[in-house]
Each structure stands twice: as C-alpha cells, then as structure tokens.
C-alpha cells in the first residue's frame, strides 16, 4: 500500500492488470480456467476497502520519521 500512497487508484489498475495476466496464464494451464468470481475477489475484491482504510496522504502533511 505504501507504494500507492500518492496515487491510490493505481493500486486498482495494477491489480486489474494482475487479474488479467493470471486469468490468461491459468486458462492456458487448465482446461476450465479460473472461477471468475473467485478470481475477482482475490485480485480486486479487497482493494476498495483497503483504500478506504488508508486514505491518500495530504501532500502538505509533514512526514514523521
């Protein structure tokens, strides 16, 4: 999540890319391919909740180390 703190919506975009890539790979490996609902939940189902729990930092906010 820290990698996406400045652009949190990119997390969803990157996870959607991972979903598409994994779906292609699994379809090539197995006759039936992945279950679409299960796959969505694994890759994207948690993103909205995670972003809500970790709102983007305010650019004017000072950082504490």
PDB file of N, CA and C in Angstrom:
ATOM      1  N   UNK A   1       0.811  -1.190   0.000  1.00  0.00           N
ATOM      2  CA  UNK A   1       0.000   0.000   0.000  1.00  0.00           C
ATOM      3  C   UNK A   1       0.858   1.258   0.000  1.00  0.00           C
ATOM      4  N   UNK A   2       1.997   1.219   0.644  1.00  0.00           N
ATOM      5  CA  UNK A   2       2.825   2.418   0.725  1.00  0.00           C
ATOM      6  C   UNK A   2       3.268   2.894  -0.656  1.00  0.00           C
ATOM      7  N   UNK A   3       3.468   1.965  -1.576  1.00  0.00           N
ATOM      8  CA  UNK A   3       3.873   2.345  -2.927  1.00  0.00           C
ATOM      9  C   UNK A   3       2.797   3.139  -3.648  1.00  0.00           C
ATOM     10  N   UNK A   4       1.573   3.032  -3.185  1.00  0.00           N
ATOM     11  CA  UNK A   4       0.443   3.670  -3.856  1.00  0.00           C
ATOM     12  C   UNK A   4      -0.130   4.835  -3.043  1.00  0.00           C
ATOM     13  N   UNK A   5       0.576   5.292  -2.024  1.00  0.00           N
ATOM     14  CA  UNK A   5       0.029   6.322  -1.151  1.00  0.00           C
ATOM     15  C   UNK A   5      -0.210   7.645  -1.876  1.00  0.00           C
ATOM     16  N   UNK A   6       0.584   7.961  -2.890  1.00  0.00           N
ATOM     17  CA  UNK A   6       0.391   9.203  -3.635  1.00  0.00           C
ATOM     18  C   UNK A   6      -0.670   9.064  -4.726  1.00  0.00           C
ATOM     19  N   UNK A   7      -0.842   7.877  -5.270  1.00  0.00           N
ATOM     20  CA  UNK A   7      -1.810   7.606  -6.349  1.00  0.00           C
ATOM     21  C   UNK A   7      -2.554   6.305  -6.035  1.00  0.00           C
ATOM     22  N   UNK A   8      -3.464   6.319  -5.054  1.00  0.00           N
ATOM     23  CA  UNK A   8      -4.083   5.067  -4.622  1.00  0.00           C
ATOM     24  C   UNK A   8      -4.915   4.373  -5.699  1.00  0.00           C
ATOM     25  N   UNK A   9      -5.451   5.097  -6.647  1.00  0.00           N
ATOM     26  CA  UNK A   9      -6.255   4.452  -7.687  1.00  0.00           C
ATOM     27  C   UNK A   9      -5.400   3.559  -8.582  1.00  0.00           C
ATOM     28  N   UNK A  10      -4.103   3.826  -8.628  1.00  0.00           N
ATOM     29  CA  UNK A  10      -3.214   2.973  -9.415  1.00  0.00           C
ATOM     30  C   UNK A  10      -3.136   1.555  -8.857  1.00  0.00           C
ATOM     31  N   UNK A  11      -3.418   1.402  -7.562  1.00  0.00           N
ATOM     32  CA  UNK A  11      -3.450   0.061  -6.981  1.00  0.00           C
ATOM     33  C   UNK A  11      -4.508  -0.780  -7.686  1.00  0.00           C
ATOM     34  N   UNK A  12      -5.695  -0.230  -7.883  1.00  0.00           N
ATOM     35  CA  UNK A  12      -6.755  -0.943  -8.586  1.00  0.00           C
ATOM     36  C   UNK A  12      -6.387  -1.263 -10.015  1.00  0.00           C
ATOM     37  N   UNK A  13      -5.741  -0.310 -10.683  1.00  0.00           N
ATOM     38  CA  UNK A  13      -5.324  -0.522 -12.070  1.00  0.00           C
ATOM     39  C   UNK A  13      -4.282  -1.635 -12.145  1.00  0.00           C
ATOM     40  N   UNK A  14      -3.302  -1.588 -11.263  1.00  0.00           N
ATOM     41  CA  UNK A  14      -2.254  -2.624 -11.262  1.00  0.00           C
ATOM     42  C   UNK A  14      -2.820  -3.992 -10.906  1.00  0.00           C
ATOM     43  N   UNK A  15      -3.743  -4.036  -9.951  1.00  0.00           N
ATOM     44  CA  UNK A  15      -4.339  -5.324  -9.579  1.00  0.00           C
ATOM     45  C   UNK A  15      -5.224  -5.862 -10.709  1.00  0.00           C
ATOM     46  N   UNK A  16      -5.884  -4.987 -11.447  1.00  0.00           N
ATOM     47  CA  UNK A  16      -6.678  -5.434 -12.603  1.00  0.00           C
ATOM     48  C   UNK A  16      -5.764  -6.025 -13.673  1.00  0.00           C
ATOM     49  N   UNK A  17      -4.597  -5.419 -13.859  1.00  0.00           N
ATOM     50  CA  UNK A  17      -3.620  -5.978 -14.796  1.00  0.00           C
ATOM     51  C   UNK A  17      -3.158  -7.361 -14.335  1.00  0.00           C
ATOM     52  N   UNK A  18      -2.915  -7.500 -13.036  1.00  0.00           N
ATOM     53  CA  UNK A  18      -2.512  -8.803 -12.493  1.00  0.00           C
ATOM     54  C   UNK A  18      -3.622  -9.832 -12.671  1.00  0.00           C
ATOM     55  N   UNK A  19      -4.872  -9.411 -12.480  1.00  0.00           N
ATOM     56  CA  UNK A  19      -6.010 -10.304 -12.674  1.00  0.00           C
ATOM     57  C   UNK A  19      -6.058 -10.806 -14.111  1.00  0.00           C
ATOM     58  N   UNK A  20      -5.907  -9.897 -15.064  1.00  0.00           N
ATOM     59  CA  UNK A  20      -5.955 -10.291 -16.476  1.00  0.00           C
ATOM     60  C   UNK A  20      -4.812 -11.243 -16.816  1.00  0.00           C
ATOM     61  N   UNK A  21      -3.630 -10.946 -16.333  1.00  0.00           N
ATOM     62  CA  UNK A  21      -2.470 -11.795 -16.618  1.00  0.00           C
ATOM     63  C   UNK A  21      -2.637 -13.186 -16.001  1.00  0.00           C
ATOM     64  N   UNK A  22      -3.098 -13.227 -14.758  1.00  0.00           N
ATOM     65  CA  UNK A  22      -3.296 -14.516 -14.095  1.00  0.00           C
ATOM     66  C   UNK A  22      -4.396 -15.326 -14.784  1.00  0.00           C
ATOM     67  N   UNK A  23      -5.442 -14.649 -15.212  1.00  0.00           N
ATOM     68  CA  UNK A  23      -6.526 -15.342 -15.916  1.00  0.00           C
ATOM     69  C   UNK A  23      -6.026 -15.977 -17.209  1.00  0.00           C
ATOM     70  N   UNK A  24      -5.216 -15.226 -17.950  1.00  0.00           N
ATOM     71  CA  UNK A  24      -4.636 -15.777 -19.190  1.00  0.00           C
ATOM     72  C   UNK A  24      -3.755 -16.977 -18.884  1.00  0.00           C
ATOM     73  N   UNK A  25      -2.898 -16.834 -17.885  1.00  0.00           N
ATOM     74  CA  UNK A  25      -1.980 -17.926 -17.541  1.00  0.00           C
ATOM     75  C   UNK A  25      -2.739 -19.173 -17.113  1.00  0.00           C
ATOM     76  N   UNK A  26      -3.741 -19.003 -16.245  1.00  0.00           N
ATOM     77  CA  UNK A  26      -4.484 -20.161 -15.754  1.00  0.00           C
ATOM     78  C   UNK A  26      -5.329 -20.799 -16.850  1.00  0.00           C
ATOM     79  N   UNK A  27      -5.845 -19.999 -17.755  1.00  0.00           N
ATOM     80  CA  UNK A  27      -6.613 -20.542 -18.871  1.00  0.00           C
ATOM     81  C   UNK A  27      -5.714 -21.366 -19.779  1.00  0.00           C
ATOM     82  N   UNK A  28      -4.466 -20.932 -19.940  1.00  0.00           N
ATOM     83  CA  UNK A  28      -3.513 -21.710 -20.740  1.00  0.00           C
ATOM     84  C   UNK A  28      -3.126 -23.017 -20.051  1.00  0.00           C
ATOM     85  N   UNK A  29      -3.076 -23.009 -18.722  1.00  0.00           N
ATOM     86  CA  UNK A  29      -2.629 -24.190 -17.978  1.00  0.00           C
ATOM     87  C   UNK A  29      -3.724 -25.228 -17.747  1.00  0.00           C
ATOM     88  N   UNK A  30      -4.952 -24.766 -17.543  1.00  0.00           N
ATOM     89  CA  UNK A  30      -6.037 -25.680 -17.160  1.00  0.00           C
ATOM     90  C   UNK A  30      -7.175 -25.602 -18.164  1.00  0.00           C
ATOM     91  N   UNK A  31      -7.840 -26.706 -18.354  1.00  0.00           N
ATOM     92  CA  UNK A  31      -8.915 -26.813 -19.332  1.00  0.00           C
ATOM     93  C   UNK A  31     -10.047 -25.829 -19.031  1.00  0.00           C
ATOM     94  N   UNK A  32     -10.463 -25.714 -17.775  1.00  0.00           N
ATOM     95  CA  UNK A  32     -11.618 -24.897 -17.426  1.00  0.00           C
ATOM     96  C   UNK A  32     -11.284 -23.445 -17.118  1.00  0.00           C
ATOM     97  N   UNK A  33     -10.046 -23.141 -16.804  1.00  0.00           N
ATOM     98  CA  UNK A  33      -9.684 -21.778 -16.426  1.00  0.00           C
ATOM     99  C   UNK A  33     -10.170 -21.454 -15.021  1.00  0.00           C
ATOM    100  N   UNK A  34      -9.885 -20.245 -14.537  1.00  0.00           N
ATOM    101  CA  UNK A  34     -10.242 -19.878 -13.167  1.00  0.00           C
ATOM    102  C   UNK A  34     -11.725 -19.537 -13.022  1.00  0.00           C
ATOM    103  N   UNK A  35     -12.236 -19.670 -11.811  1.00  0.00           N
ATOM    104  CA  UNK A  35     -13.591 -19.224 -11.498  1.00  0.00           C
ATOM    105  C   UNK A  35     -13.587 -17.692 -11.479  1.00  0.00           C
ATOM    106  N   UNK A  36     -14.385 -17.034 -12.317  1.00  0.00           N
ATOM    107  CA  UNK A  36     -14.318 -15.575 -12.429  1.00  0.00           C
ATOM    108  C   UNK A  36     -14.623 -14.841 -11.130  1.00  0.00           C
ATOM    109  N   UNK A  37     -15.588 -15.315 -10.358  1.00  0.00           N
ATOM    110  CA  UNK A  37     -15.941 -14.627  -9.108  1.00  0.00           C
ATOM    111  C   UNK A  37     -14.818 -14.768  -8.090  1.00  0.00           C
ATOM    112  N   UNK A  38     -14.314 -15.962  -7.952  1.00  0.00           N
ATOM    113  CA  UNK A  38     -13.210 -16.211  -7.015  1.00  0.00           C
ATOM    114  C   UNK A  38     -11.981 -15.376  -7.394  1.00  0.00           C
ATOM    115  N   UNK A  39     -11.721 -15.307  -8.664  1.00  0.00           N
ATOM    116  CA  UNK A  39     -10.567 -14.555  -9.147  1.00  0.00           C
ATOM    117  C   UNK A  39     -10.738 -13.059  -8.899  1.00  0.00           C
ATOM    118  N   UNK A  40     -11.926 -12.533  -9.130  1.00  0.00           N
ATOM    119  CA  UNK A  40     -12.193 -11.119  -8.870  1.00  0.00           C
ATOM    120  C   UNK A  40     -11.976 -10.796  -7.394  1.00  0.00           C
ATOM    121  N   UNK A  41     -12.537 -11.642  -6.523  1.00  0.00           N
ATOM    122  CA  UNK A  41     -12.408 -11.403  -5.086  1.00  0.00           C
ATOM    123  C   UNK A  41     -10.946 -11.407  -4.674  1.00  0.00           C
ATOM    124  N   UNK A  42     -10.182 -12.336  -5.214  1.00  0.00           N
ATOM    125  CA  UNK A  42      -8.769 -12.443  -4.840  1.00  0.00           C
ATOM    126  C   UNK A  42      -7.967 -11.210  -5.273  1.00  0.00           C
ATOM    127  N   UNK A  43      -8.209 -10.731  -6.472  1.00  0.00           N
ATOM    128  CA  UNK A  43      -7.396  -9.644  -7.001  1.00  0.00           C
ATOM    129  C   UNK A  43      -7.965  -8.253  -6.759  1.00  0.00           C
ATOM    130  N   UNK A  44      -9.276  -8.109  -6.803  1.00  0.00           N
ATOM    131  CA  UNK A  44      -9.859  -6.763  -6.728  1.00  0.00           C
ATOM    132  C   UNK A  44     -10.865  -6.573  -5.603  1.00  0.00           C
ATOM    133  N   UNK A  45     -11.374  -7.641  -5.030  1.00  0.00           N
ATOM    134  CA  UNK A  45     -12.417  -7.528  -4.026  1.00  0.00           C
ATOM    135  C   UNK A  45     -12.008  -6.748  -2.792  1.00  0.00           C
ATOM    136  N   UNK A  46     -10.765  -6.755  -2.444  1.00  0.00           N
ATOM    137  CA  UNK A  46     -10.284  -6.106  -1.230  1.00  0.00           C
ATOM    138  C   UNK A  46      -9.780  -4.684  -1.459  1.00  0.00           C
ATOM    139  N   UNK A  47      -9.580  -4.285  -2.704  1.00  0.00           N
ATOM    140  CA  UNK A  47      -8.921  -3.011  -2.999  1.00  0.00           C
ATOM    141  C   UNK A  47      -9.722  -1.818  -2.472  1.00  0.00           C
ATOM    142  N   UNK A  48     -11.021  -1.788  -2.703  1.00  0.00           N
ATOM    143  CA  UNK A  48     -11.835  -0.647  -2.278  1.00  0.00           C
ATOM    144  C   UNK A  48     -11.780  -0.471  -0.762  1.00  0.00           C
ATOM    145  N   UNK A  49     -11.883  -1.561  -0.020  1.00  0.00           N
ATOM    146  CA  UNK A  49     -11.812  -1.487   1.437  1.00  0.00           C
ATOM    147  C   UNK A  49     -10.430  -1.041   1.904  1.00  0.00           C
ATOM    148  N   UNK A  50      -9.394  -1.535   1.255  1.00  0.00           N
ATOM    149  CA  UNK A  50      -8.031  -1.156   1.632  1.00  0.00           C
ATOM    150  C   UNK A  50      -7.793   0.330   1.402  1.00  0.00           C
ATOM    151  N   UNK A  51      -8.287   0.841   0.296  1.00  0.00           N
ATOM    152  CA  UNK A  51      -8.113   2.265   0.003  1.00  0.00           C
ATOM    153  C   UNK A  51      -8.902   3.123   0.985  1.00  0.00           C
ATOM    154  N   UNK A  52     -10.080   2.669   1.378  1.00  0.00           N
ATOM    155  CA  UNK A  52     -10.879   3.419   2.351  1.00  0.00           C
ATOM    156  C   UNK A  52     -10.198   3.435   3.712  1.00  0.00           C
ATOM    157  N   UNK A  53      -9.535   2.341   4.065  1.00  0.00           N
ATOM    158  CA  UNK A  53      -8.849   2.245   5.353  1.00  0.00           C
ATOM    159  C   UNK A  53      -7.559   3.050   5.384  1.00  0.00           C
ATOM    160  N   UNK A  54      -6.971   3.288   4.219  1.00  0.00           N
ATOM    161  CA  UNK A  54      -5.718   4.038   4.117  1.00  0.00           C
ATOM    162  C   UNK A  54      -5.888   5.168   3.104  1.00  0.00           C
ATOM    163  N   UNK A  55      -6.583   6.248   3.497  1.00  0.00           N
ATOM    164  CA  UNK A  55      -6.789   7.340   2.544  1.00  0.00           C
ATOM    165  C   UNK A  55      -5.460   7.952   2.124  1.00  0.00           C
ATOM    166  N   UNK A  56      -5.434   8.595   0.946  1.00  0.00           N
ATOM    167  CA  UNK A  56      -4.186   9.197   0.473  1.00  0.00           C
ATOM    168  C   UNK A  56      -3.685  10.261   1.428  1.00  0.00           C
ATOM    169  N   UNK A  57      -2.373  10.372   1.504  1.00  0.00           N
ATOM    170  CA  UNK A  57      -1.760  11.407   2.346  1.00  0.00           C
ATOM    171  C   UNK A  57      -2.034  12.775   1.768  1.00  0.00           C
ATOM    172  N   UNK A  58      -2.156  13.725   2.643  1.00  0.00           N
ATOM    173  CA  UNK A  58      -2.261  15.124   2.234  1.00  0.00           C
ATOM    174  C   UNK A  58      -0.856  15.573   1.838  1.00  0.00           C
ATOM    175  N   UNK A  59      -0.670  16.077   0.610  1.00  0.00           N
ATOM    176  CA  UNK A  59       0.675  16.477   0.174  1.00  0.00           C
ATOM    177  C   UNK A  59       1.309  17.525   1.082  1.00  0.00           C
ATOM    178  N   UNK A  60       0.505  18.320   1.769  1.00  0.00           N
ATOM    179  CA  UNK A  60       1.049  19.343   2.652  1.00  0.00           C
ATOM    180  C   UNK A  60       1.384  18.811   4.029  1.00  0.00           C
ATOM    181  N   UNK A  61       1.030  17.580   4.309  1.00  0.00           N
ATOM    182  CA  UNK A  61       1.269  16.987   5.616  1.00  0.00           C
ATOM    183  C   UNK A  61       2.757  16.682   5.785  1.00  0.00           C
ATOM    184  N   UNK A  62       3.290  17.011   6.954  1.00  0.00           N
ATOM    185  CA  UNK A  62       4.700  16.711   7.205  1.00  0.00           C
ATOM    186  C   UNK A  62       4.843  15.235   7.537  1.00  0.00           C
ATOM    187  N   UNK A  63       5.978  14.669   7.204  1.00  0.00           N
ATOM    188  CA  UNK A  63       6.256  13.261   7.436  1.00  0.00           C
ATOM    189  C   UNK A  63       7.007  13.118   8.755  1.00  0.00           C
ATOM    190  N   UNK A  64       6.628  12.109   9.510  1.00  0.00           N
ATOM    191  CA  UNK A  64       7.329  11.812  10.757  1.00  0.00           C
ATOM    192  C   UNK A  64       8.184  10.568  10.546  1.00  0.00           C
ATOM    193  N   UNK A  65       9.408  10.652  10.950  1.00  0.00           N
ATOM    194  CA  UNK A  65      10.311   9.515  10.824  1.00  0.00           C
ATOM    195  C   UNK A  65      10.784   9.093  12.172  1.00  0.00           C
TER     196      UNK A  65
END
